[in-house]
Protein backbone atom coordinates (compact mmCIF):
# COMPACT_ATOMS: atom_id res chain seq x y z
CA MET A 1 -72.64 -21.12 30.46
CA MET A 2 -76.00 -19.77 29.72
CA ALA A 3 -77.51 -20.38 26.64
CA GLU A 4 -78.59 -17.85 24.52
CA SER A 5 -82.21 -17.08 24.38
CA PHE A 6 -84.57 -16.41 20.97
CA ASP A 7 -88.04 -15.77 19.79
CA VAL A 8 -87.53 -18.08 17.12
CA VAL A 9 -84.68 -20.29 16.03
CA VAL A 10 -84.78 -21.70 12.34
CA VAL A 11 -82.42 -24.77 11.54
CA GLY A 12 -81.54 -24.74 8.16
CA ALA A 13 -80.99 -21.26 6.05
CA GLY A 14 -82.10 -22.50 2.79
CA PRO A 15 -84.70 -20.30 0.63
CA GLY A 16 -87.49 -21.13 3.01
CA GLY A 17 -85.56 -21.20 6.10
CA PHE A 18 -83.85 -17.96 5.74
CA ARG A 19 -87.63 -16.29 4.18
CA ALA A 20 -88.93 -17.33 7.76
CA ALA A 21 -86.65 -15.96 9.42
CA ARG A 22 -86.50 -12.35 8.35
CA ARG A 23 -90.36 -12.38 7.89
CA CYS A 24 -89.89 -13.13 11.49
CA ALA A 25 -87.64 -10.58 12.55
CA GLN A 26 -89.42 -8.03 10.41
CA ASN A 27 -92.28 -8.81 12.92
CA GLY A 28 -90.21 -7.71 15.87
CA ALA A 29 -89.24 -11.65 16.92
CA SER A 30 -85.71 -12.03 17.77
CA VAL A 31 -84.27 -14.37 15.98
CA ALA A 32 -81.34 -17.11 15.22
CA VAL A 33 -80.57 -18.79 11.98
CA VAL A 34 -78.41 -22.04 12.20
CA GLU A 35 -77.35 -23.52 9.22
CA GLN A 36 -74.59 -25.96 9.07
CA GLU A 37 -72.26 -24.98 5.21
CA TYR A 38 -73.21 -22.14 3.38
CA VAL A 39 -76.39 -19.47 4.08
CA GLY A 40 -78.37 -20.01 0.84
CA GLY A 41 -78.28 -23.52 1.52
CA THR A 42 -78.48 -25.88 -1.31
CA CYS A 43 -80.40 -24.10 -3.34
CA LEU A 44 -78.05 -21.11 -3.42
CA ASN A 45 -75.01 -23.23 -3.30
CA TRP A 46 -75.35 -26.08 -5.30
CA GLY A 47 -78.79 -26.02 -6.68
CA CYS A 48 -80.64 -23.20 -8.52
CA ILE A 49 -78.37 -20.89 -8.71
CA PRO A 50 -75.24 -22.18 -10.12
CA SER A 51 -76.39 -24.74 -12.09
CA LYS A 52 -78.72 -21.40 -13.76
CA VAL A 53 -75.35 -20.00 -14.02
CA LEU A 54 -73.89 -22.73 -16.15
CA LEU A 55 -77.00 -22.62 -18.53
CA ALA A 56 -77.13 -19.11 -19.09
CA SER A 57 -73.38 -19.57 -20.56
CA ALA A 58 -74.76 -22.67 -22.55
CA HIS A 59 -77.38 -20.71 -23.21
CA VAL A 60 -75.55 -18.04 -25.37
CA LEU A 61 -72.99 -20.46 -26.83
CA LEU A 62 -75.95 -22.00 -28.56
CA CYS A 63 -77.60 -19.22 -29.48
CA ALA A 64 -74.20 -17.97 -30.92
CA ARG A 65 -73.48 -20.80 -32.65
CA ASN A 66 -77.13 -20.59 -34.54
CA ALA A 67 -76.99 -17.26 -34.99
CA ALA A 68 -75.99 -17.39 -39.14
CA GLU A 69 -79.42 -18.09 -38.92
CA ILE A 70 -80.66 -14.97 -38.36
CA GLY A 71 -78.01 -13.33 -40.21
CA ILE A 72 -75.34 -12.64 -37.60
CA ASP A 73 -71.76 -14.55 -38.91
CA ILE A 74 -69.62 -15.35 -35.41
CA PRO A 75 -66.58 -16.95 -36.99
CA SER A 76 -66.08 -18.83 -33.51
CA ALA A 77 -68.12 -19.95 -30.32
CA GLU A 78 -66.01 -22.14 -28.00
CA PRO A 79 -66.16 -21.67 -24.14
CA ASN A 80 -64.21 -20.46 -21.84
CA TRP A 81 -64.73 -23.17 -18.86
CA ALA A 82 -62.57 -21.47 -16.36
CA LYS A 83 -63.85 -18.43 -16.87
CA ILE A 84 -67.69 -20.06 -16.79
CA GLN A 85 -66.65 -21.51 -14.08
CA GLN A 86 -65.10 -18.53 -12.06
CA ARG A 87 -68.11 -16.29 -12.85
CA LYS A 88 -70.85 -19.22 -11.46
CA GLU A 89 -68.28 -19.10 -8.34
CA ALA A 90 -68.84 -15.21 -8.45
CA VAL A 91 -72.23 -14.89 -8.60
CA VAL A 92 -72.90 -17.46 -5.77
CA ALA A 93 -70.48 -15.05 -3.36
CA GLY A 94 -72.59 -11.78 -4.51
CA PHE A 95 -75.63 -13.48 -3.51
CA ARG A 96 -74.02 -15.26 0.17
CA LYS A 97 -72.63 -11.80 0.53
CA GLY A 98 -75.96 -10.18 0.22
CA MET A 99 -78.19 -12.50 2.68
CA THR A 100 -75.23 -12.12 4.80
CA ALA A 101 -75.98 -8.31 4.38
CA THR A 102 -79.91 -8.91 4.92
CA ALA A 103 -79.51 -10.78 7.93
CA GLN A 104 -77.37 -8.53 9.66
CA ALA A 105 -79.82 -5.42 8.42
CA HIS A 106 -82.42 -7.42 10.43
CA LYS A 107 -80.04 -8.07 13.80
CA MET A 108 -80.22 -11.75 12.86
CA ARG A 109 -77.64 -14.11 14.75
CA MET A 110 -76.41 -16.23 12.16
CA ILE A 111 -74.46 -19.33 13.38
CA GLN A 112 -72.61 -21.95 11.37
CA GLY A 113 -72.09 -24.75 12.63
CA ARG A 114 -74.01 -28.26 12.85
CA GLY A 115 -77.64 -27.97 15.23
CA VAL A 116 -79.27 -30.68 17.10
CA VAL A 117 -82.87 -30.37 18.45
CA THR A 118 -82.97 -31.63 21.47
CA SER A 119 -86.42 -30.44 23.10
CA PRO A 120 -88.93 -27.84 21.56
CA ASN A 121 -86.93 -25.04 23.00
CA ARG A 122 -82.94 -26.27 22.98
CA VAL A 123 -81.03 -26.13 20.38
CA VAL A 124 -76.77 -27.58 20.93
CA VAL A 125 -74.24 -27.00 17.94
CA ASP A 126 -71.36 -27.71 17.13
CA THR A 127 -69.14 -25.07 16.03
CA ASP A 128 -65.42 -24.76 15.65
CA GLY A 129 -65.42 -27.44 17.69
CA GLN A 130 -67.47 -26.17 20.55
CA SER A 131 -70.87 -26.55 21.70
CA ILE A 132 -73.42 -23.49 21.99
CA GLU A 133 -76.82 -23.72 23.50
CA ILE A 134 -79.63 -21.84 22.18
CA GLU A 135 -83.18 -21.48 23.33
CA ALA A 136 -86.52 -21.00 21.35
CA GLY A 137 -89.36 -20.00 22.23
CA LYS A 138 -90.83 -21.72 18.33
CA LEU A 139 -88.44 -23.34 16.77
CA ILE A 140 -88.48 -23.96 12.52
CA ILE A 141 -86.22 -26.99 10.91
CA ALA A 142 -85.41 -26.55 7.29
CA THR A 143 -82.67 -28.95 7.01
CA GLY A 144 -83.50 -29.88 3.22
CA SER A 145 -83.05 -32.75 1.44
CA LYS A 146 -79.41 -34.67 0.06
CA THR A 147 -78.93 -36.47 -2.71
CA ILE A 148 -80.28 -40.28 -3.37
CA GLU A 149 -77.40 -42.08 -4.00
CA LEU A 150 -77.55 -45.38 -5.48
CA ALA A 151 -76.69 -48.23 -3.75
CA ASN A 152 -74.85 -50.44 -6.57
CA ILE A 153 -73.72 -47.27 -8.15
CA PRO A 154 -71.86 -44.88 -5.60
CA PHE A 155 -69.98 -42.03 -5.79
CA ASP A 156 -66.71 -41.61 -5.67
CA GLY A 157 -66.34 -37.98 -7.18
CA ARG A 158 -64.27 -38.83 -10.49
CA ALA A 159 -66.13 -41.71 -13.05
CA VAL A 160 -69.38 -41.56 -10.83
CA ILE A 161 -70.14 -37.97 -10.05
CA ASN A 162 -73.44 -35.96 -7.70
CA SER A 163 -75.15 -33.26 -9.14
CA LYS A 164 -72.46 -31.12 -6.40
CA ASP A 165 -69.51 -32.93 -8.65
CA ALA A 166 -71.03 -31.79 -12.02
CA LEU A 167 -71.30 -28.16 -11.29
CA SER A 168 -67.33 -27.44 -10.41
CA LEU A 169 -65.83 -30.06 -13.48
CA GLU A 170 -61.83 -29.26 -13.65
CA GLU A 171 -62.40 -29.86 -17.41
CA ILE A 172 -65.50 -30.03 -20.32
CA PRO A 173 -65.51 -34.43 -20.50
CA LYS A 174 -65.71 -35.94 -23.75
CA SER A 175 -68.72 -38.05 -23.16
CA MET A 176 -71.13 -38.25 -19.86
CA VAL A 177 -74.14 -40.59 -19.17
CA VAL A 178 -76.20 -39.16 -17.20
CA ILE A 179 -78.32 -41.88 -15.00
CA GLY A 180 -81.77 -40.35 -14.19
CA GLY A 181 -83.96 -38.52 -16.62
CA GLY A 182 -85.25 -35.86 -13.78
CA VAL A 183 -85.46 -32.47 -13.74
CA ILE A 184 -81.41 -31.91 -12.20
CA GLY A 185 -80.70 -34.45 -14.96
CA CYS A 186 -81.56 -33.03 -17.55
CA GLU A 187 -80.47 -29.49 -17.13
CA MET A 188 -77.08 -30.28 -16.73
CA ALA A 189 -76.91 -32.60 -19.22
CA CYS A 190 -78.24 -29.22 -21.85
CA VAL A 191 -75.12 -27.65 -20.18
CA TYR A 192 -72.24 -29.69 -21.01
CA ALA A 193 -74.47 -30.71 -24.49
CA ALA A 194 -73.84 -27.24 -25.53
CA MET A 195 -70.50 -27.32 -24.31
CA GLY A 196 -69.43 -30.44 -26.61
CA THR A 197 -70.14 -33.71 -24.64
CA LYS A 198 -71.77 -36.44 -26.07
CA VAL A 199 -74.45 -36.84 -23.47
CA THR A 200 -76.61 -39.55 -23.26
CA ILE A 201 -79.27 -39.67 -20.73
CA THR A 202 -81.07 -43.10 -19.64
CA GLU A 203 -84.44 -43.11 -17.68
CA ALA A 204 -85.92 -46.18 -15.88
CA LEU A 205 -89.50 -44.89 -16.94
CA GLU A 206 -90.81 -44.44 -19.68
CA HIS A 207 -89.76 -41.10 -20.87
CA VAL A 208 -87.64 -38.05 -19.61
CA LEU A 209 -89.09 -35.99 -17.01
CA PRO A 210 -91.38 -38.82 -16.09
CA MET A 211 -93.33 -35.96 -13.36
CA GLU A 212 -94.84 -34.34 -16.83
CA ASP A 213 -97.12 -35.50 -19.51
CA GLN A 214 -95.60 -37.65 -22.22
CA TRP A 215 -96.05 -35.26 -25.11
CA VAL A 216 -93.43 -32.63 -23.10
CA ALA A 217 -90.97 -35.28 -23.65
CA ARG A 218 -91.19 -36.30 -26.93
CA GLN A 219 -91.41 -32.81 -27.23
CA LEU A 220 -88.03 -32.57 -25.39
CA GLU A 221 -86.33 -35.37 -26.96
CA ARG A 222 -86.83 -34.20 -29.86
CA GLU A 223 -84.91 -30.73 -29.74
CA PHE A 224 -82.23 -32.43 -27.12
CA LYS A 225 -81.46 -34.43 -30.43
CA LYS A 226 -80.60 -31.29 -32.22
CA ILE A 227 -77.76 -30.29 -29.08
CA GLY A 228 -76.38 -33.45 -29.28
CA ILE A 229 -78.54 -35.60 -26.56
CA ASP A 230 -79.71 -39.20 -26.77
CA VAL A 231 -82.12 -40.60 -24.25
CA ILE A 232 -82.73 -44.31 -24.07
CA ALA A 233 -85.85 -44.99 -21.98
CA GLY A 234 -87.75 -47.59 -20.52
CA HIS A 235 -84.07 -49.49 -19.41
CA GLU A 236 -82.07 -49.22 -15.89
CA VAL A 237 -78.64 -49.05 -15.69
CA ALA A 238 -77.52 -52.56 -14.23
CA SER A 239 -73.75 -51.65 -13.00
CA VAL A 240 -71.26 -49.20 -13.72
CA ASP A 241 -67.89 -51.09 -14.95
CA ARG A 242 -65.00 -47.67 -13.91
CA SER A 243 -62.18 -50.26 -14.08
CA GLY A 244 -60.62 -48.78 -17.28
CA SER A 245 -61.23 -45.42 -18.67
CA PRO A 246 -63.17 -44.33 -20.16
CA ALA A 247 -66.23 -45.82 -17.74
CA ARG A 248 -68.78 -48.50 -19.28
CA VAL A 249 -72.69 -48.29 -18.30
CA LEU A 250 -74.23 -51.32 -18.64
CA LEU A 251 -78.01 -51.26 -19.23
CA ASP A 252 -80.51 -54.20 -18.44
CA ASP A 253 -80.80 -55.39 -22.06
CA GLY A 254 -77.00 -56.03 -22.39
CA ARG A 255 -76.12 -52.94 -24.29
CA ALA A 256 -73.06 -50.61 -22.56
CA ILE A 257 -72.28 -47.42 -22.90
CA GLU A 258 -68.31 -45.86 -21.85
CA ALA A 259 -68.39 -41.86 -20.92
CA GLU A 260 -65.76 -40.06 -19.01
CA LYS A 261 -68.36 -39.34 -16.63
CA VAL A 262 -71.29 -40.55 -14.92
CA LEU A 263 -73.36 -38.41 -13.56
CA VAL A 264 -76.11 -39.97 -11.12
CA SER A 265 -79.16 -37.70 -11.10
CA VAL A 266 -81.66 -39.74 -9.86
CA GLY A 267 -83.74 -36.80 -7.05
CA ARG A 268 -83.32 -36.07 -3.76
CA LYS A 269 -84.53 -36.90 -0.77
CA ALA A 270 -85.57 -35.14 2.91
CA PHE A 271 -82.93 -35.47 5.52
CA VAL A 272 -83.29 -34.64 9.13
CA GLY A 273 -80.56 -35.48 11.43
CA ALA A 274 -82.19 -38.86 13.37
CA GLU A 275 -80.69 -37.10 17.11
CA THR A 276 -83.44 -34.17 15.92
CA VAL A 277 -86.13 -37.15 15.48
CA GLU A 278 -85.84 -39.30 18.01
CA ALA A 279 -85.62 -35.90 20.79
CA LEU A 280 -88.46 -34.51 19.62
CA GLY A 281 -90.60 -37.66 18.65
CA LEU A 282 -90.94 -36.09 15.41
CA GLU A 283 -94.12 -37.82 13.30
CA MET A 284 -92.60 -39.21 9.87
CA ASP A 285 -93.40 -40.55 7.17
CA GLY A 286 -90.37 -42.06 5.63
CA ALA A 287 -87.83 -39.59 5.95
CA ARG A 288 -90.15 -36.34 5.70
CA ILE A 289 -91.44 -34.58 8.57
CA VAL A 290 -95.11 -34.38 8.56
CA VAL A 291 -97.17 -31.34 9.22
CA ASN A 292 -100.69 -30.18 9.08
CA ALA A 293 -101.29 -26.92 6.43
CA ARG A 294 -99.99 -24.37 9.11
CA LEU A 295 -96.75 -26.29 8.70
CA GLU A 296 -96.94 -27.48 12.29
CA THR A 297 -95.39 -30.71 13.15
CA ASN A 298 -96.63 -33.31 15.94
CA VAL A 299 -94.75 -31.43 18.29
CA PRO A 300 -96.31 -27.73 19.73
CA GLY A 301 -93.86 -24.71 19.04
CA VAL A 302 -92.65 -26.92 16.24
CA TYR A 303 -92.66 -25.75 12.79
CA ALA A 304 -91.17 -27.85 9.21
CA LEU A 305 -91.24 -26.59 6.05
CA GLY A 306 -89.68 -26.64 2.79
CA ASP A 307 -87.49 -29.77 1.21
CA VAL A 308 -87.87 -32.03 5.01
CA VAL A 309 -91.17 -31.67 4.07
CA GLY A 310 -90.89 -32.94 0.99
CA THR A 311 -94.00 -31.33 -1.11
CA THR A 312 -92.49 -29.63 -3.57
CA TYR A 313 -88.37 -29.63 -3.63
CA LEU A 314 -88.87 -26.44 -5.29
CA ALA A 315 -87.10 -23.10 -3.95
CA HIS A 316 -90.31 -21.00 -4.43
CA GLY A 317 -92.13 -23.49 -3.08
CA ALA A 318 -90.11 -23.59 0.20
CA PHE A 319 -90.42 -19.98 -0.02
CA ALA A 320 -94.20 -19.63 0.03
CA GLU A 321 -93.99 -21.97 3.21
CA GLY A 322 -91.75 -19.59 4.49
CA GLU A 323 -93.96 -17.59 4.87
CA VAL A 324 -97.08 -18.86 6.13
CA ALA A 325 -94.67 -20.22 8.72
CA ALA A 326 -93.46 -17.38 9.95
CA VAL A 327 -96.98 -15.48 9.75
CA ASN A 328 -97.91 -18.95 12.42
CA VAL A 329 -95.04 -18.57 14.57
CA MET A 330 -95.95 -15.11 15.20
CA GLY A 331 -99.85 -16.13 16.27
CA GLY A 332 -100.99 -15.49 12.90
CA ASP A 333 -103.42 -17.88 11.40
CA MET A 334 -102.20 -19.03 7.94
CA LYS A 335 -102.77 -22.51 5.28
CA MET A 336 -100.76 -23.29 2.62
CA LYS A 337 -102.97 -22.24 -0.28
CA ASP A 338 -102.65 -25.54 -3.31
CA TYR A 339 -99.56 -26.78 -3.60
CA ALA A 340 -101.03 -27.69 -7.43
CA LEU A 341 -100.71 -23.64 -7.66
CA VAL A 342 -97.08 -24.03 -7.26
CA PRO A 343 -95.46 -23.71 -10.95
CA ARG A 344 -93.23 -26.41 -11.71
CA VAL A 345 -90.32 -25.14 -14.01
CA ILE A 346 -87.49 -27.01 -16.11
CA PHE A 347 -84.46 -24.87 -17.29
CA THR A 348 -83.79 -27.01 -20.19
CA PHE A 349 -83.31 -26.43 -23.66
CA PRO A 350 -86.16 -25.83 -24.61
CA GLU A 351 -87.92 -24.83 -21.50
CA VAL A 352 -90.32 -26.45 -19.52
CA ALA A 353 -92.81 -25.06 -17.00
CA SER A 354 -96.40 -25.90 -15.79
CA VAL A 355 -98.97 -25.29 -12.87
CA GLY A 356 -101.79 -26.99 -12.41
CA LYS A 357 -103.27 -30.11 -13.52
CA SER A 358 -101.81 -32.15 -16.31
CA GLU A 359 -103.99 -33.94 -19.19
CA GLU A 360 -103.23 -36.85 -17.89
CA GLN A 361 -103.66 -36.39 -14.42
CA CYS A 362 -107.02 -35.24 -15.66
CA LYS A 363 -107.78 -38.41 -17.39
CA SER A 364 -106.88 -40.75 -14.45
CA GLU A 365 -109.19 -38.59 -12.34
CA GLY A 366 -112.09 -39.14 -15.23
CA LEU A 367 -112.60 -35.16 -15.83
CA GLU A 368 -113.82 -34.76 -19.20
CA VAL A 369 -111.25 -31.94 -20.58
CA THR A 370 -110.58 -29.83 -24.02
CA VAL A 371 -107.35 -29.46 -24.55
CA GLY A 372 -106.34 -26.33 -26.11
CA LYS A 373 -102.73 -25.67 -27.62
CA GLY A 374 -100.66 -22.30 -28.89
CA PHE A 375 -97.74 -22.80 -31.22
CA PHE A 376 -94.68 -20.76 -30.66
CA LYS A 377 -93.54 -21.61 -34.42
CA ALA A 378 -96.83 -19.00 -35.38
CA ASN A 379 -95.54 -16.45 -32.59
CA GLY A 380 -94.85 -13.87 -34.41
CA ARG A 381 -91.70 -12.53 -31.95
CA SER A 382 -90.61 -16.46 -31.17
CA VAL A 383 -90.67 -16.56 -34.77
CA ALA A 384 -88.42 -13.24 -34.72
CA HIS A 385 -85.83 -14.39 -32.15
CA ASN A 386 -85.68 -17.47 -33.64
CA GLN A 387 -86.94 -19.70 -30.59
CA THR A 388 -89.98 -21.53 -32.61
CA ALA A 389 -89.92 -24.78 -30.37
CA GLY A 390 -92.17 -25.81 -28.31
CA GLN A 391 -96.12 -25.12 -28.05
CA VAL A 392 -98.74 -23.99 -25.16
CA ARG A 393 -101.11 -26.12 -24.00
CA VAL A 394 -104.41 -25.55 -21.82
CA VAL A 395 -106.88 -27.60 -20.43
CA ARG A 396 -110.23 -26.84 -19.81
CA GLU A 397 -112.48 -28.73 -17.82
CA ASN A 398 -115.87 -29.50 -20.21
CA LYS A 399 -118.67 -29.27 -17.01
CA THR A 400 -117.25 -26.49 -15.60
CA ASN A 401 -115.78 -24.37 -18.19
CA ARG A 402 -112.71 -23.82 -15.84
CA ILE A 403 -109.17 -23.71 -16.69
CA LEU A 404 -107.74 -26.72 -14.68
CA GLY A 405 -103.93 -26.31 -16.30
CA VAL A 406 -101.32 -25.72 -18.12
CA THR A 407 -98.43 -26.35 -19.54
CA ILE A 408 -95.75 -24.79 -21.62
CA VAL A 409 -92.82 -26.05 -23.73
CA GLY A 410 -90.16 -23.18 -24.98
CA ASP A 411 -88.49 -19.97 -25.03
CA ILE A 412 -89.07 -18.79 -21.93
CA ALA A 413 -91.70 -21.01 -20.41
CA THR A 414 -90.27 -20.38 -16.80
CA GLU A 415 -90.92 -16.86 -16.97
CA LEU A 416 -94.50 -17.10 -18.39
CA ILE A 417 -95.43 -19.94 -15.91
CA ALA A 418 -96.54 -17.01 -12.91
CA PHE A 419 -98.43 -15.67 -15.42
CA ALA A 420 -99.93 -19.07 -16.44
CA ALA A 421 -100.47 -19.74 -12.76
CA ASP A 422 -103.46 -16.87 -12.87
CA LEU A 423 -105.21 -18.68 -15.38
CA ILE A 424 -106.50 -21.44 -13.23
CA GLY A 425 -109.73 -21.61 -12.62
CA ARG A 426 -111.15 -19.31 -15.11
CA THR A 427 -113.56 -19.38 -17.77
CA ALA A 428 -114.11 -17.91 -20.70
CA ALA A 429 -114.51 -14.58 -19.12
CA VAL A 430 -110.03 -14.79 -19.28
CA ASN A 431 -111.09 -13.06 -22.79
CA ASP A 432 -110.96 -9.64 -20.64
CA ILE A 433 -106.67 -10.08 -20.70
CA THR A 434 -105.23 -8.86 -24.11
CA PHE A 435 -101.95 -10.09 -24.72
CA PRO A 436 -99.47 -6.97 -26.13
CA HIS A 437 -98.13 -7.82 -29.86
CA PRO A 438 -96.37 -9.53 -30.94
CA THR A 439 -95.55 -11.60 -27.32
CA VAL A 440 -94.59 -14.80 -26.73
CA SER A 441 -97.79 -13.97 -24.53
CA GLU A 442 -99.67 -14.53 -27.35
CA THR A 443 -99.61 -18.09 -27.30
CA PHE A 444 -102.44 -18.10 -24.15
CA ASP A 445 -104.15 -16.22 -26.46
CA GLU A 446 -103.69 -18.93 -29.14
CA ALA A 447 -104.53 -21.98 -27.23
CA VAL A 448 -107.55 -20.87 -24.10
CA GLU A 449 -109.43 -19.60 -28.02
CA ASP A 450 -108.17 -23.50 -28.62
CA ALA A 451 -109.14 -24.38 -25.84
CA PHE A 452 -112.85 -22.91 -25.33
CA GLY A 453 -113.48 -22.61 -28.90
CA ALA A 454 -117.47 -21.81 -29.69
CA ASP A 455 -117.87 -20.56 -26.08
CA TRP A 456 -114.45 -17.77 -26.22
CA LEU A 457 -115.44 -14.44 -26.94
CA PRO A 458 -114.35 -11.66 -28.31
CA HIS A 459 -112.52 -8.89 -27.19
């Protein structure tokens, strides 16, 4: 059977792969997208979107329980887990339908099945028991990542679960231990704590969210305790005894914690099939495909992006890479911008967001900096909405007078950080910005003024 031929073939229909495919199709290329499971990849189906639907329900539940503090009496606020799960599934299905319609509108050929790249110009797809061969003018690999499993604590889908399992539990557990205080672990801890689960996070490093500064972790841990989350940092989990119910989580200091569910959330790692790596002779860095700033691999005509290159493990990072790869696949010349300008966002209670360099990173690089602070508790709208936890920190380099980084802990931090990214590299001329009053964005005004001090000029 003659192989189908396309200008561009994309293996993986997650955020980055789909974005690249659409851009190529918009610019006149014939495009095929191969996806083993569902369009949208991990982000839409088992990550960003379903977790945020659960977090939205958790947020409303917490607001309802605290409504009396702002003069609203709500007799009871209890989660209807079945309806929450139904809504989550409906939201995901709606976005899948929308992406499928977008692909059809741009005449993209969507092929469901496991794709194996056999040469730079050929992909074999196993689908419905048949093999389909596809010829590619250019190839983009966007096969994503997979959950890391601990050898001594394997998943069983019952007592010991992964993040995918945690999104679809049949019932709200009475207790849960989350092994790993990273982004996913902290977000899921917030979901279940709001639902009434007694949650304990264990983190082997000295604080949760180890990629952020210590002050962020301290602030978060204080707020976590208010919603029923305990944090044990600086200790590893030695083993999990699942012989009884509940399971027993044994720490390296001899402590034991009982829990109905043990969520192992120690990160994700890039994933690309071994057959593809071998057939192409891809240059690898561990599990990651090595690419240059144009998202090119060492194989001419073959590009890679998203989690499989291990740069950000963020959907919006993959979006940006998808745009760059598409331009270059279509004959252009574009490079990825500074990855430090890709915001990092965490949808915990309260939210955490950062962009640029952190205080600790600056100090480790020997940079002399001044840190300005703006507090949510001193912000009019934050007080009005009873969302006073958190602060904005702006890091200014003393030598150049430029802003190097911004970190936010607080309500809607993840919405504010896109604006904060525009502050990076600015000097005191940032005072040209007029912040509307009363808005949460005014915390930036306070933090920037604090960072620049006498160099700050009046509006």
